[in-house]
Amino acid sequence: MFLPSLTEFINPAHEVYKMAEIIVWEELESEFAPLYSNLGQPAKPIRLMAGLLILKELYRHSDESVMTEWVANPYYQFFCGEAVFQWSFPCDPTDLVYFRQRIGRPGHSKIIETGNRAKKAV
């Protein structure tokens, strides 16, 4: 079954699309990658987790409601690095708790500031 790319049907003029293009995701990934182990179950992608935190803060969601919105919103999915529309939750809401613990307050602040700068730029 062929699934269209998110970029084929979302509007590049949308605020969330523009923010996704402004953020240098590779910088966040390289900064937080050393906090991950190569052992055990693979972790969720850093872009997904950082993207969810940014969307949660910018649009005043709870951990649970950002997941619900993510499933319904192709812009949220694009922002978090998905290429095609997904029909299920990207992770459990408690994974956001674990991610915040992993990155600590300084890491959380950096991610949120990155999102705030992107929003101001659009």
PDB file of N, CA and C in Angstrom:
ATOM      1  N   MET A   1       0.839  -1.176   0.000  1.00  0.00           N
ATOM      2  CA  MET A   1       0.000   0.000   0.000  1.00  0.00           C
ATOM      3  C   MET A   1       0.889   1.245   0.000  1.00  0.00           C
ATOM      4  N   PHE A   2       0.571   2.163  -0.865  1.00  0.00           N
ATOM      5  CA  PHE A   2       1.335   3.402  -0.983  1.00  0.00           C
ATOM      6  C   PHE A   2       0.769   4.457  -0.036  1.00  0.00           C
ATOM      7  N   LEU A   3       1.628   5.014   0.781  1.00  0.00           N
ATOM      8  CA  LEU A   3       1.219   6.094   1.679  1.00  0.00           C
ATOM      9  C   LEU A   3       1.886   7.387   1.223  1.00  0.00           C
ATOM     10  N   PRO A   4       1.110   8.444   1.041  1.00  0.00           N
ATOM     11  CA  PRO A   4       1.720   9.703   0.603  1.00  0.00           C
ATOM     12  C   PRO A   4       2.580  10.318   1.706  1.00  0.00           C
ATOM     13  N   SER A   5       3.602  10.993   1.289  1.00  0.00           N
ATOM     14  CA  SER A   5       4.464  11.715   2.220  1.00  0.00           C
ATOM     15  C   SER A   5       3.667  12.846   2.860  1.00  0.00           C
ATOM     16  N   LEU A   6       3.955  13.125   4.118  1.00  0.00           N
ATOM     17  CA  LEU A   6       3.286  14.246   4.791  1.00  0.00           C
ATOM     18  C   LEU A   6       3.472  15.546   4.018  1.00  0.00           C
ATOM     19  N   THR A   7       4.633  15.728   3.417  1.00  0.00           N
ATOM     20  CA  THR A   7       4.897  16.977   2.695  1.00  0.00           C
ATOM     21  C   THR A   7       4.047  17.115   1.440  1.00  0.00           C
ATOM     22  N   GLU A   8       3.411  16.037   1.017  1.00  0.00           N
ATOM     23  CA  GLU A   8       2.537  16.108  -0.155  1.00  0.00           C
ATOM     24  C   GLU A   8       1.172  16.700   0.158  1.00  0.00           C
ATOM     25  N   PHE A   9       0.787  16.724   1.442  1.00  0.00           N
ATOM     26  CA  PHE A   9      -0.549  17.232   1.735  1.00  0.00           C
ATOM     27  C   PHE A   9      -0.630  18.226   2.890  1.00  0.00           C
ATOM     28  N   ILE A  10       0.496  18.599   3.474  1.00  0.00           N
ATOM     29  CA  ILE A  10       0.433  19.655   4.487  1.00  0.00           C
ATOM     30  C   ILE A  10       0.946  20.963   3.889  1.00  0.00           C
ATOM     31  N   ASN A  11       0.534  22.047   4.488  1.00  0.00           N
ATOM     32  CA  ASN A  11       0.820  23.386   3.973  1.00  0.00           C
ATOM     33  C   ASN A  11       2.158  23.896   4.510  1.00  0.00           C
ATOM     34  N   PRO A  12       3.125  24.180   3.641  1.00  0.00           N
ATOM     35  CA  PRO A  12       4.420  24.691   4.097  1.00  0.00           C
ATOM     36  C   PRO A  12       4.333  26.061   4.765  1.00  0.00           C
ATOM     37  N   ALA A  13       3.209  26.749   4.619  1.00  0.00           N
ATOM     38  CA  ALA A  13       3.042  28.056   5.262  1.00  0.00           C
ATOM     39  C   ALA A  13       2.531  27.933   6.697  1.00  0.00           C
ATOM     40  N   HIS A  14       2.199  26.718   7.134  1.00  0.00           N
ATOM     41  CA  HIS A  14       1.692  26.504   8.494  1.00  0.00           C
ATOM     42  C   HIS A  14       2.810  26.766   9.507  1.00  0.00           C
ATOM     43  N   GLU A  15       2.445  27.370  10.632  1.00  0.00           N
ATOM     44  CA  GLU A  15       3.415  27.726  11.672  1.00  0.00           C
ATOM     45  C   GLU A  15       4.265  26.533  12.117  1.00  0.00           C
ATOM     46  N   VAL A  16       3.643  25.403  12.378  1.00  0.00           N
ATOM     47  CA  VAL A  16       4.384  24.242  12.879  1.00  0.00           C
ATOM     48  C   VAL A  16       5.341  23.702  11.813  1.00  0.00           C
ATOM     49  N   TYR A  17       4.924  23.717  10.557  1.00  0.00           N
ATOM     50  CA  TYR A  17       5.804  23.302   9.453  1.00  0.00           C
ATOM     51  C   TYR A  17       7.035  24.209   9.422  1.00  0.00           C
ATOM     52  N   LYS A  18       6.803  25.512   9.483  1.00  0.00           N
ATOM     53  CA  LYS A  18       7.921  26.465   9.429  1.00  0.00           C
ATOM     54  C   LYS A  18       8.876  26.274  10.598  1.00  0.00           C
ATOM     55  N   MET A  19       8.325  26.062  11.794  1.00  0.00           N
ATOM     56  CA  MET A  19       9.189  25.842  12.956  1.00  0.00           C
ATOM     57  C   MET A  19      10.047  24.595  12.771  1.00  0.00           C
ATOM     58  N   ALA A  20       9.455  23.543  12.210  1.00  0.00           N
ATOM     59  CA  ALA A  20      10.205  22.303  11.982  1.00  0.00           C
ATOM     60  C   ALA A  20      11.380  22.526  11.044  1.00  0.00           C
ATOM     61  N   GLU A  21      11.204  23.420  10.083  1.00  0.00           N
ATOM     62  CA  GLU A  21      12.265  23.708   9.121  1.00  0.00           C
ATOM     63  C   GLU A  21      13.347  24.616   9.717  1.00  0.00           C
ATOM     64  N   ILE A  22      12.995  25.431  10.688  1.00  0.00           N
ATOM     65  CA  ILE A  22      13.944  26.363  11.307  1.00  0.00           C
ATOM     66  C   ILE A  22      14.873  25.652  12.290  1.00  0.00           C
ATOM     67  N   ILE A  23      14.318  24.741  13.065  1.00  0.00           N
ATOM     68  CA  ILE A  23      15.105  24.071  14.111  1.00  0.00           C
ATOM     69  C   ILE A  23      16.184  23.192  13.471  1.00  0.00           C
ATOM     70  N   VAL A  24      17.381  23.287  13.997  1.00  0.00           N
ATOM     71  CA  VAL A  24      18.487  22.434  13.538  1.00  0.00           C
ATOM     72  C   VAL A  24      18.466  21.186  14.426  1.00  0.00           C
ATOM     73  N   TRP A  25      17.704  20.208  13.989  1.00  0.00           N
ATOM     74  CA  TRP A  25      17.481  19.000  14.782  1.00  0.00           C
ATOM     75  C   TRP A  25      18.771  18.236  15.030  1.00  0.00           C
ATOM     76  N   GLU A  26      19.688  18.300  14.088  1.00  0.00           N
ATOM     77  CA  GLU A  26      20.948  17.565  14.235  1.00  0.00           C
ATOM     78  C   GLU A  26      21.728  18.047  15.457  1.00  0.00           C
ATOM     79  N   GLU A  27      21.625  19.346  15.774  1.00  0.00           N
ATOM     80  CA  GLU A  27      22.323  19.868  16.955  1.00  0.00           C
ATOM     81  C   GLU A  27      21.756  19.252  18.228  1.00  0.00           C
ATOM     82  N   LEU A  28      20.431  19.173  18.321  1.00  0.00           N
ATOM     83  CA  LEU A  28      19.821  18.551  19.498  1.00  0.00           C
ATOM     84  C   LEU A  28      20.179  17.072  19.566  1.00  0.00           C
ATOM     85  N   GLU A  29      20.139  16.405  18.422  1.00  0.00           N
ATOM     86  CA  GLU A  29      20.460  14.979  18.399  1.00  0.00           C
ATOM     87  C   GLU A  29      21.901  14.723  18.827  1.00  0.00           C
ATOM     88  N   SER A  30      22.832  15.531  18.345  1.00  0.00           N
ATOM     89  CA  SER A  30      24.236  15.301  18.716  1.00  0.00           C
ATOM     90  C   SER A  30      24.491  15.661  20.176  1.00  0.00           C
ATOM     91  N   GLU A  31      23.765  16.636  20.699  1.00  0.00           N
ATOM     92  CA  GLU A  31      23.954  17.003  22.106  1.00  0.00           C
ATOM     93  C   GLU A  31      23.431  15.932  23.052  1.00  0.00           C
ATOM     94  N   PHE A  32      22.290  15.330  22.714  1.00  0.00           N
ATOM     95  CA  PHE A  32      21.665  14.388  23.642  1.00  0.00           C
ATOM     96  C   PHE A  32      21.987  12.925  23.353  1.00  0.00           C
ATOM     97  N   ALA A  33      22.560  12.617  22.212  1.00  0.00           N
ATOM     98  CA  ALA A  33      22.894  11.227  21.874  1.00  0.00           C
ATOM     99  C   ALA A  33      23.821  10.569  22.903  1.00  0.00           C
ATOM    100  N   PRO A  34      24.806  11.285  23.471  1.00  0.00           N
ATOM    101  CA  PRO A  34      25.671  10.635  24.459  1.00  0.00           C
ATOM    102  C   PRO A  34      24.939  10.155  25.718  1.00  0.00           C
ATOM    103  N   LEU A  35      23.714  10.624  25.934  1.00  0.00           N
ATOM    104  CA  LEU A  35      22.950  10.200  27.108  1.00  0.00           C
ATOM    105  C   LEU A  35      22.279   8.845  26.902  1.00  0.00           C
ATOM    106  N   TYR A  36      22.396   8.300  25.708  1.00  0.00           N
ATOM    107  CA  TYR A  36      21.749   7.036  25.370  1.00  0.00           C
ATOM    108  C   TYR A  36      22.762   5.906  25.347  1.00  0.00           C
ATOM    109  N   SER A  37      22.297   4.719  25.695  1.00  0.00           N
ATOM    110  CA  SER A  37      23.115   3.515  25.668  1.00  0.00           C
ATOM    111  C   SER A  37      22.794   2.710  24.413  1.00  0.00           C
ATOM    112  N   ASN A  38      23.741   1.943  23.954  1.00  0.00           N
ATOM    113  CA  ASN A  38      23.507   1.048  22.822  1.00  0.00           C
ATOM    114  C   ASN A  38      22.958  -0.301  23.279  1.00  0.00           C
ATOM    115  N   LEU A  39      22.791  -0.465  24.584  1.00  0.00           N
ATOM    116  CA  LEU A  39      22.308  -1.727  25.134  1.00  0.00           C
ATOM    117  C   LEU A  39      20.802  -1.659  25.364  1.00  0.00           C
ATOM    118  N   GLY A  40      20.173  -2.808  25.389  1.00  0.00           N
ATOM    119  CA  GLY A  40      18.749  -2.874  25.706  1.00  0.00           C
ATOM    120  C   GLY A  40      17.865  -2.452  24.546  1.00  0.00           C
ATOM    121  N   GLN A  41      16.613  -2.187  24.896  1.00  0.00           N
ATOM    122  CA  GLN A  41      15.625  -1.791  23.891  1.00  0.00           C
ATOM    123  C   GLN A  41      15.997  -0.439  23.292  1.00  0.00           C
ATOM    124  N   PRO A  42      15.883  -0.298  21.974  1.00  0.00           N
ATOM    125  CA  PRO A  42      16.218   0.988  21.354  1.00  0.00           C
ATOM    126  C   PRO A  42      15.336   2.113  21.897  1.00  0.00           C
ATOM    127  N   ALA A  43      15.946   3.250  22.121  1.00  0.00           N
ATOM    128  CA  ALA A  43      15.213   4.416  22.614  1.00  0.00           C
ATOM    129  C   ALA A  43      14.436   5.052  21.470  1.00  0.00           C
ATOM    130  N   LYS A  44      13.436   5.827  21.830  1.00  0.00           N
ATOM    131  CA  LYS A  44      12.698   6.599  20.829  1.00  0.00           C
ATOM    132  C   LYS A  44      13.636   7.659  20.265  1.00  0.00           C
ATOM    133  N   PRO A  45      13.449   8.052  19.008  1.00  0.00           N
ATOM    134  CA  PRO A  45      14.326   9.061  18.408  1.00  0.00           C
ATOM    135  C   PRO A  45      14.319  10.376  19.194  1.00  0.00           C
ATOM    136  N   ILE A  46      15.478  10.989  19.283  1.00  0.00           N
ATOM    137  CA  ILE A  46      15.606  12.255  20.009  1.00  0.00           C
ATOM    138  C   ILE A  46      14.718  13.318  19.381  1.00  0.00           C
ATOM    139  N   ARG A  47      14.645  13.360  18.059  1.00  0.00           N
ATOM    140  CA  ARG A  47      13.790  14.369  17.424  1.00  0.00           C
ATOM    141  C   ARG A  47      12.333  14.189  17.843  1.00  0.00           C
ATOM    142  N   LEU A  48      11.869  12.969  17.906  1.00  0.00           N
ATOM    143  CA  LEU A  48      10.496  12.713  18.345  1.00  0.00           C
ATOM    144  C   LEU A  48      10.284  13.250  19.752  1.00  0.00           C
ATOM    145  N   MET A  49      11.159  12.880  20.661  1.00  0.00           N
ATOM    146  CA  MET A  49      10.973  13.253  22.062  1.00  0.00           C
ATOM    147  C   MET A  49      11.141  14.757  22.272  1.00  0.00           C
ATOM    148  N   ALA A  50      12.154  15.351  21.639  1.00  0.00           N
ATOM    149  CA  ALA A  50      12.350  16.799  21.748  1.00  0.00           C
ATOM    150  C   ALA A  50      11.183  17.533  21.098  1.00  0.00           C
ATOM    151  N   GLY A  51      10.732  17.035  19.959  1.00  0.00           N
ATOM    152  CA  GLY A  51       9.599  17.655  19.277  1.00  0.00           C
ATOM    153  C   GLY A  51       8.343  17.617  20.121  1.00  0.00           C
ATOM    154  N   LEU A  52       8.075  16.480  20.752  1.00  0.00           N
ATOM    155  CA  LEU A  52       6.904  16.386  21.622  1.00  0.00           C
ATOM    156  C   LEU A  52       6.998  17.364  22.788  1.00  0.00           C
ATOM    157  N   LEU A  53       8.184  17.484  23.380  1.00  0.00           N
ATOM    158  CA  LEU A  53       8.349  18.442  24.485  1.00  0.00           C
ATOM    159  C   LEU A  53       8.100  19.872  24.022  1.00  0.00           C
ATOM    160  N   ILE A  54       8.620  20.226  22.861  1.00  0.00           N
ATOM    161  CA  ILE A  54       8.423  21.581  22.336  1.00  0.00           C
ATOM    162  C   ILE A  54       6.937  21.838  22.087  1.00  0.00           C
ATOM    163  N   LEU A  55       6.274  20.923  21.399  1.00  0.00           N
ATOM    164  CA  LEU A  55       4.847  21.096  21.110  1.00  0.00           C
ATOM    165  C   LEU A  55       4.028  21.158  22.396  1.00  0.00           C
ATOM    166  N   LYS A  56       4.389  20.331  23.361  1.00  0.00           N
ATOM    167  CA  LYS A  56       3.698  20.313  24.657  1.00  0.00           C
ATOM    168  C   LYS A  56       3.776  21.680  25.322  1.00  0.00           C
ATOM    169  N   GLU A  57       4.957  22.259  25.342  1.00  0.00           N
ATOM    170  CA  GLU A  57       5.149  23.551  26.003  1.00  0.00           C
ATOM    171  C   GLU A  57       4.536  24.704  25.212  1.00  0.00           C
ATOM    172  N   LEU A  58       4.768  24.737  23.908  1.00  0.00           N
ATOM    173  CA  LEU A  58       4.291  25.865  23.106  1.00  0.00           C
ATOM    174  C   LEU A  58       2.774  25.934  23.034  1.00  0.00           C
ATOM    175  N   TYR A  59       2.137  24.776  23.011  1.00  0.00           N
ATOM    176  CA  TYR A  59       0.679  24.744  22.848  1.00  0.00           C
ATOM    177  C   TYR A  59      -0.038  24.287  24.111  1.00  0.00           C
ATOM    178  N   ARG A  60       0.677  24.296  25.223  1.00  0.00           N
ATOM    179  CA  ARG A  60       0.122  24.054  26.561  1.00  0.00           C
ATOM    180  C   ARG A  60      -0.664  22.742  26.669  1.00  0.00           C
ATOM    181  N   HIS A  61      -0.011  21.681  26.260  1.00  0.00           N
ATOM    182  CA  HIS A  61      -0.588  20.342  26.373  1.00  0.00           C
ATOM    183  C   HIS A  61      -0.072  19.663  27.633  1.00  0.00           C
ATOM    184  N   SER A  62      -0.797  18.662  28.079  1.00  0.00           N
ATOM    185  CA  SER A  62      -0.271  17.720  29.065  1.00  0.00           C
ATOM    186  C   SER A  62       0.503  16.646  28.292  1.00  0.00           C
ATOM    187  N   ASP A  63       1.203  15.787  29.005  1.00  0.00           N
ATOM    188  CA  ASP A  63       1.896  14.681  28.331  1.00  0.00           C
ATOM    189  C   ASP A  63       0.893  13.840  27.537  1.00  0.00           C
ATOM    190  N   GLU A  64      -0.266  13.598  28.125  1.00  0.00           N
ATOM    191  CA  GLU A  64      -1.280  12.776  27.468  1.00  0.00           C
ATOM    192  C   GLU A  64      -1.900  13.492  26.272  1.00  0.00           C
ATOM    193  N   SER A  65      -2.223  14.778  26.430  1.00  0.00           N
ATOM    194  CA  SER A  65      -2.922  15.476  25.342  1.00  0.00           C
ATOM    195  C   SER A  65      -2.014  15.757  24.144  1.00  0.00           C
ATOM    196  N   VAL A  66      -0.711  15.906  24.358  1.00  0.00           N
ATOM    197  CA  VAL A  66       0.175  16.097  23.207  1.00  0.00           C
ATOM    198  C   VAL A  66       0.212  14.819  22.365  1.00  0.00           C
ATOM    199  N   MET A  67       0.095  13.666  23.011  1.00  0.00           N
ATOM    200  CA  MET A  67       0.041  12.396  22.273  1.00  0.00           C
ATOM    201  C   MET A  67      -1.249  12.295  21.460  1.00  0.00           C
ATOM    202  N   THR A  68      -2.357  12.645  22.075  1.00  0.00           N
ATOM    203  CA  THR A  68      -3.649  12.599  21.385  1.00  0.00           C
ATOM    204  C   THR A  68      -3.649  13.537  20.185  1.00  0.00           C
ATOM    205  N   GLU A  69      -3.116  14.735  20.370  1.00  0.00           N
ATOM    206  CA  GLU A  69      -3.049  15.700  19.272  1.00  0.00           C
ATOM    207  C   GLU A  69      -2.093  15.213  18.186  1.00  0.00           C
ATOM    208  N   TRP A  70      -0.994  14.586  18.574  1.00  0.00           N
ATOM    209  CA  TRP A  70      -0.009  14.081  17.612  1.00  0.00           C
ATOM    210  C   TRP A  70      -0.655  13.083  16.653  1.00  0.00           C
ATOM    211  N   VAL A  71      -1.478  12.184  17.180  1.00  0.00           N
ATOM    212  CA  VAL A  71      -2.114  11.169  16.337  1.00  0.00           C
ATOM    213  C   VAL A  71      -3.056  11.812  15.322  1.00  0.00           C
ATOM    214  N   ALA A  72      -3.701  12.917  15.694  1.00  0.00           N
ATOM    215  CA  ALA A  72      -4.698  13.557  14.831  1.00  0.00           C
ATOM    216  C   ALA A  72      -4.118  14.637  13.925  1.00  0.00           C
ATOM    217  N   ASN A  73      -2.892  15.070  14.181  1.00  0.00           N
ATOM    218  CA  ASN A  73      -2.369  16.274  13.542  1.00  0.00           C
ATOM    219  C   ASN A  73      -1.130  15.964  12.687  1.00  0.00           C
ATOM    220  N   PRO A  74      -1.258  16.019  11.366  1.00  0.00           N
ATOM    221  CA  PRO A  74      -0.097  15.731  10.519  1.00  0.00           C
ATOM    222  C   PRO A  74       1.038  16.741  10.693  1.00  0.00           C
ATOM    223  N   TYR A  75       0.722  17.963  11.106  1.00  0.00           N
ATOM    224  CA  TYR A  75       1.774  18.957  11.336  1.00  0.00           C
ATOM    225  C   TYR A  75       2.622  18.565  12.540  1.00  0.00           C
ATOM    226  N   TYR A  76       2.005  18.070  13.591  1.00  0.00           N
ATOM    227  CA  TYR A  76       2.755  17.597  14.751  1.00  0.00           C
ATOM    228  C   TYR A  76       3.649  16.427  14.350  1.00  0.00           C
ATOM    229  N   GLN A  77       3.117  15.533  13.538  1.00  0.00           N
ATOM    230  CA  GLN A  77       3.909  14.378  13.117  1.00  0.00           C
ATOM    231  C   GLN A  77       5.103  14.813  12.273  1.00  0.00           C
ATOM    232  N   PHE A  78       4.883  15.725  11.348  1.00  0.00           N
ATOM    233  CA  PHE A  78       5.980  16.253  10.534  1.00  0.00           C
ATOM    234  C   PHE A  78       7.024  16.922  11.426  1.00  0.00           C
ATOM    235  N   PHE A  79       6.572  17.722  12.377  1.00  0.00           N
ATOM    236  CA  PHE A  79       7.462  18.424  13.292  1.00  0.00           C
ATOM    237  C   PHE A  79       8.379  17.444  14.032  1.00  0.00           C
ATOM    238  N   CYS A  80       7.831  16.294  14.376  1.00  0.00           N
ATOM    239  CA  CYS A  80       8.590  15.298  15.144  1.00  0.00           C
ATOM    240  C   CYS A  80       9.378  14.327  14.273  1.00  0.00           C
ATOM    241  N   GLY A  81       9.417  14.588  12.959  1.00  0.00           N
ATOM    242  CA  GLY A  81      10.288  13.814  12.088  1.00  0.00           C
ATOM    243  C   GLY A  81       9.647  12.685  11.311  1.00  0.00           C
ATOM    244  N   GLU A  82       8.347  12.535  11.393  1.00  0.00           N
ATOM    245  CA  GLU A  82       7.683  11.480  10.618  1.00  0.00           C
ATOM    246  C   GLU A  82       7.638  11.864   9.144  1.00  0.00           C
ATOM    247  N   ALA A  83       7.696  10.869   8.287  1.00  0.00           N
ATOM    248  CA  ALA A  83       7.633  11.102   6.846  1.00  0.00           C
ATOM    249  C   ALA A  83       6.238  10.834   6.289  1.00  0.00           C
ATOM    250  N   VAL A  84       5.538   9.861   6.883  1.00  0.00           N
ATOM    251  CA  VAL A  84       4.175   9.533   6.459  1.00  0.00           C
ATOM    252  C   VAL A  84       3.266   9.546   7.685  1.00  0.00           C
ATOM    253  N   PHE A  85       1.972   9.736   7.442  1.00  0.00           N
ATOM    254  CA  PHE A  85       1.016   9.830   8.542  1.00  0.00           C
ATOM    255  C   PHE A  85       0.966   8.535   9.341  1.00  0.00           C
ATOM    256  N   GLN A  86       0.975   8.678  10.656  1.00  0.00           N
ATOM    257  CA  GLN A  86       0.922   7.539  11.572  1.00  0.00           C
ATOM    258  C   GLN A  86      -0.443   7.509  12.261  1.00  0.00           C
ATOM    259  N   TRP A  87      -0.939   6.316  12.538  1.00  0.00           N
ATOM    260  CA  TRP A  87      -2.271   6.153  13.112  1.00  0.00           C
ATOM    261  C   TRP A  87      -2.242   5.771  14.583  1.00  0.00           C
ATOM    262  N   SER A  88      -1.088   5.625  15.164  1.00  0.00           N
ATOM    263  CA  SER A  88      -1.011   5.218  16.566  1.00  0.00           C
ATOM    264  C   SER A  88      -0.052   6.131  17.320  1.00  0.00           C
ATOM    265  N   PHE A  89      -0.150   6.083  18.642  1.00  0.00           N
ATOM    266  CA  PHE A  89       0.707   6.911  19.483  1.00  0.00           C
ATOM    267  C   PHE A  89       2.178   6.610  19.195  1.00  0.00           C
ATOM    268  N   PRO A  90       3.027   7.635  19.195  1.00  0.00           N
ATOM    269  CA  PRO A  90       4.449   7.414  18.926  1.00  0.00           C
ATOM    270  C   PRO A  90       5.177   6.765  20.096  1.00  0.00           C
ATOM    271  N   CYS A  91       4.622   6.931  21.292  1.00  0.00           N
ATOM    272  CA  CYS A  91       5.206   6.370  22.501  1.00  0.00           C
ATOM    273  C   CYS A  91       4.172   6.497  23.612  1.00  0.00           C
ATOM    274  N   ASP A  92       4.498   6.001  24.759  1.00  0.00           N
ATOM    275  CA  ASP A  92       3.628   6.154  25.919  1.00  0.00           C
ATOM    276  C   ASP A  92       3.882   7.532  26.533  1.00  0.00           C
ATOM    277  N   PRO A  93       2.854   8.190  27.058  1.00  0.00           N
ATOM    278  CA  PRO A  93       3.092   9.493  27.692  1.00  0.00           C
ATOM    279  C   PRO A  93       4.164   9.459  28.783  1.00  0.00           C
ATOM    280  N   THR A  94       4.312   8.327  29.462  1.00  0.00           N
ATOM    281  CA  THR A  94       5.347   8.245  30.501  1.00  0.00           C
ATOM    282  C   THR A  94       6.756   8.308  29.914  1.00  0.00           C
ATOM    283  N   ASP A  95       6.897   8.020  28.618  1.00  0.00           N
ATOM    284  CA  ASP A  95       8.212   8.149  27.987  1.00  0.00           C
ATOM    285  C   ASP A  95       8.708   9.593  28.021  1.00  0.00           C
ATOM    286  N   LEU A  96       7.786  10.553  28.008  1.00  0.00           N
ATOM    287  CA  LEU A  96       8.192  11.960  28.134  1.00  0.00           C
ATOM    288  C   LEU A  96       8.779  12.230  29.513  1.00  0.00           C
ATOM    289  N   VAL A  97       8.222  11.598  30.532  1.00  0.00           N
ATOM    290  CA  VAL A  97       8.762  11.734  31.894  1.00  0.00           C
ATOM    291  C   VAL A  97      10.191  11.206  31.924  1.00  0.00           C
ATOM    292  N   TYR A  98      10.392  10.020  31.369  1.00  0.00           N
ATOM    293  CA  TYR A  98      11.728   9.416  31.358  1.00  0.00           C
ATOM    294  C   TYR A  98      12.709  10.246  30.534  1.00  0.00           C
ATOM    295  N   PHE A  99      12.250  10.799  29.420  1.00  0.00           N
ATOM    296  CA  PHE A  99      13.119  11.640  28.595  1.00  0.00           C
ATOM    297  C   PHE A  99      13.532  12.891  29.362  1.00  0.00           C
ATOM    298  N   ARG A 100      12.588  13.530  30.049  1.00  0.00           N
ATOM    299  CA  ARG A 100      12.931  14.723  30.846  1.00  0.00           C
ATOM    300  C   ARG A 100      13.941  14.373  31.934  1.00  0.00           C
ATOM    301  N   GLN A 101      13.781  13.215  32.559  1.00  0.00           N
ATOM    302  CA  GLN A 101      14.743  12.790  33.578  1.00  0.00           C
ATOM    303  C   GLN A 101      16.116  12.554  32.956  1.00  0.00           C
ATOM    304  N   ARG A 102      16.140  11.972  31.786  1.00  0.00           N
ATOM    305  CA  ARG A 102      17.401  11.658  31.106  1.00  0.00           C
ATOM    306  C   ARG A 102      18.171  12.922  30.748  1.00  0.00           C
ATOM    307  N   ILE A 103      17.467  13.938  30.222  1.00  0.00           N
ATOM    308  CA  ILE A 103      18.150  15.146  29.753  1.00  0.00           C
ATOM    309  C   ILE A 103      18.365  16.168  30.866  1.00  0.00           C
ATOM    310  N   GLY A 104      17.662  16.025  31.989  1.00  0.00           N
ATOM    311  CA  GLY A 104      17.820  16.946  33.112  1.00  0.00           C
ATOM    312  C   GLY A 104      17.224  18.319  32.831  1.00  0.00           C
ATOM    313  N   ARG A 105      17.239  19.153  33.859  1.00  0.00           N
ATOM    314  CA  ARG A 105      16.683  20.508  33.712  1.00  0.00           C
ATOM    315  C   ARG A 105      17.408  21.335  32.655  1.00  0.00           C
ATOM    316  N   PRO A 106      18.748  21.291  32.618  1.00  0.00           N
ATOM    317  CA  PRO A 106      19.435  22.079  31.579  1.00  0.00           C
ATOM    318  C   PRO A 106      19.068  21.628  30.162  1.00  0.00           C
ATOM    319  N   GLY A 107      18.958  20.333  29.952  1.00  0.00           N
ATOM    320  CA  GLY A 107      18.580  19.827  28.637  1.00  0.00           C
ATOM    321  C   GLY A 107      17.157  20.207  28.277  1.00  0.00           C
ATOM    322  N   HIS A 108      16.261  20.102  29.247  1.00  0.00           N
ATOM    323  CA  HIS A 108      14.864  20.488  29.023  1.00  0.00           C
ATOM    324  C   HIS A 108      14.789  21.966  28.668  1.00  0.00           C
ATOM    325  N   SER A 109      15.510  22.794  29.408  1.00  0.00           N
ATOM    326  CA  SER A 109      15.512  24.237  29.134  1.00  0.00           C
ATOM    327  C   SER A 109      16.036  24.536  27.738  1.00  0.00           C
ATOM    328  N   LYS A 110      17.080  23.833  27.330  1.00  0.00           N
ATOM    329  CA  LYS A 110      17.637  24.057  25.989  1.00  0.00           C
ATOM    330  C   LYS A 110      16.621  23.703  24.904  1.00  0.00           C
ATOM    331  N   ILE A 111      15.943  22.586  25.069  1.00  0.00           N
ATOM    332  CA  ILE A 111      14.944  22.168  24.078  1.00  0.00           C
ATOM    333  C   ILE A 111      13.804  23.177  24.007  1.00  0.00           C
ATOM    334  N   ILE A 112      13.315  23.615  25.148  1.00  0.00           N
ATOM    335  CA  ILE A 112      12.197  24.568  25.169  1.00  0.00           C
ATOM    336  C   ILE A 112      12.634  25.903  24.575  1.00  0.00           C
ATOM    337  N   GLU A 113      13.829  26.346  24.885  1.00  0.00           N
ATOM    338  CA  GLU A 113      14.327  27.604  24.313  1.00  0.00           C
ATOM    339  C   GLU A 113      14.473  27.485  22.796  1.00  0.00           C
ATOM    340  N   THR A 114      14.906  26.332  22.324  1.00  0.00           N
ATOM    341  CA  THR A 114      14.992  26.096  20.881  1.00  0.00           C
ATOM    342  C   THR A 114      13.618  26.259  20.242  1.00  0.00           C
ATOM    343  N   GLY A 115      12.603  25.694  20.862  1.00  0.00           N
ATOM    344  CA  GLY A 115      11.239  25.831  20.359  1.00  0.00           C
ATOM    345  C   GLY A 115      10.739  27.261  20.408  1.00  0.00           C
ATOM    346  N   ASN A 116      11.030  27.954  21.505  1.00  0.00           N
ATOM    347  CA  ASN A 116      10.604  29.357  21.633  1.00  0.00           C
ATOM    348  C   ASN A 116      11.244  30.231  20.559  1.00  0.00           C
ATOM    349  N   ARG A 117      12.532  30.008  20.292  1.00  0.00           N
ATOM    350  CA  ARG A 117      13.212  30.778  19.243  1.00  0.00           C
ATOM    351  C   ARG A 117      12.595  30.510  17.872  1.00  0.00           C
ATOM    352  N   ALA A 118      12.291  29.253  17.602  1.00  0.00           N
ATOM    353  CA  ALA A 118      11.683  28.903  16.311  1.00  0.00           C
ATOM    354  C   ALA A 118      10.311  29.551  16.167  1.00  0.00           C
ATOM    355  N   LYS A 119       9.535  29.539  17.240  1.00  0.00           N
ATOM    356  CA  LYS A 119       8.191  30.135  17.162  1.00  0.00           C
ATOM    357  C   LYS A 119       8.279  31.641  16.934  1.00  0.00           C
ATOM    358  N   LYS A 120       9.223  32.295  17.596  1.00  0.00           N
ATOM    359  CA  LYS A 120       9.391  33.743  17.403  1.00  0.00           C
ATOM    360  C   LYS A 120       9.842  34.062  15.978  1.00  0.00           C
ATOM    361  N   ALA A 121      10.583  33.146  15.374  1.00  0.00           N
ATOM    362  CA  ALA A 121      11.114  33.379  14.027  1.00  0.00           C
ATOM    363  C   ALA A 121      10.049  33.247  12.939  1.00  0.00           C
ATOM    364  N   VAL A 122       8.962  32.556  13.252  1.00  0.00           N
ATOM    365  CA  VAL A 122       7.904  32.420  12.235  1.00  0.00           C
ATOM    366  C   VAL A 122       6.915  33.497  12.478  1.00  0.00           C
TER     367      VAL A 122
END
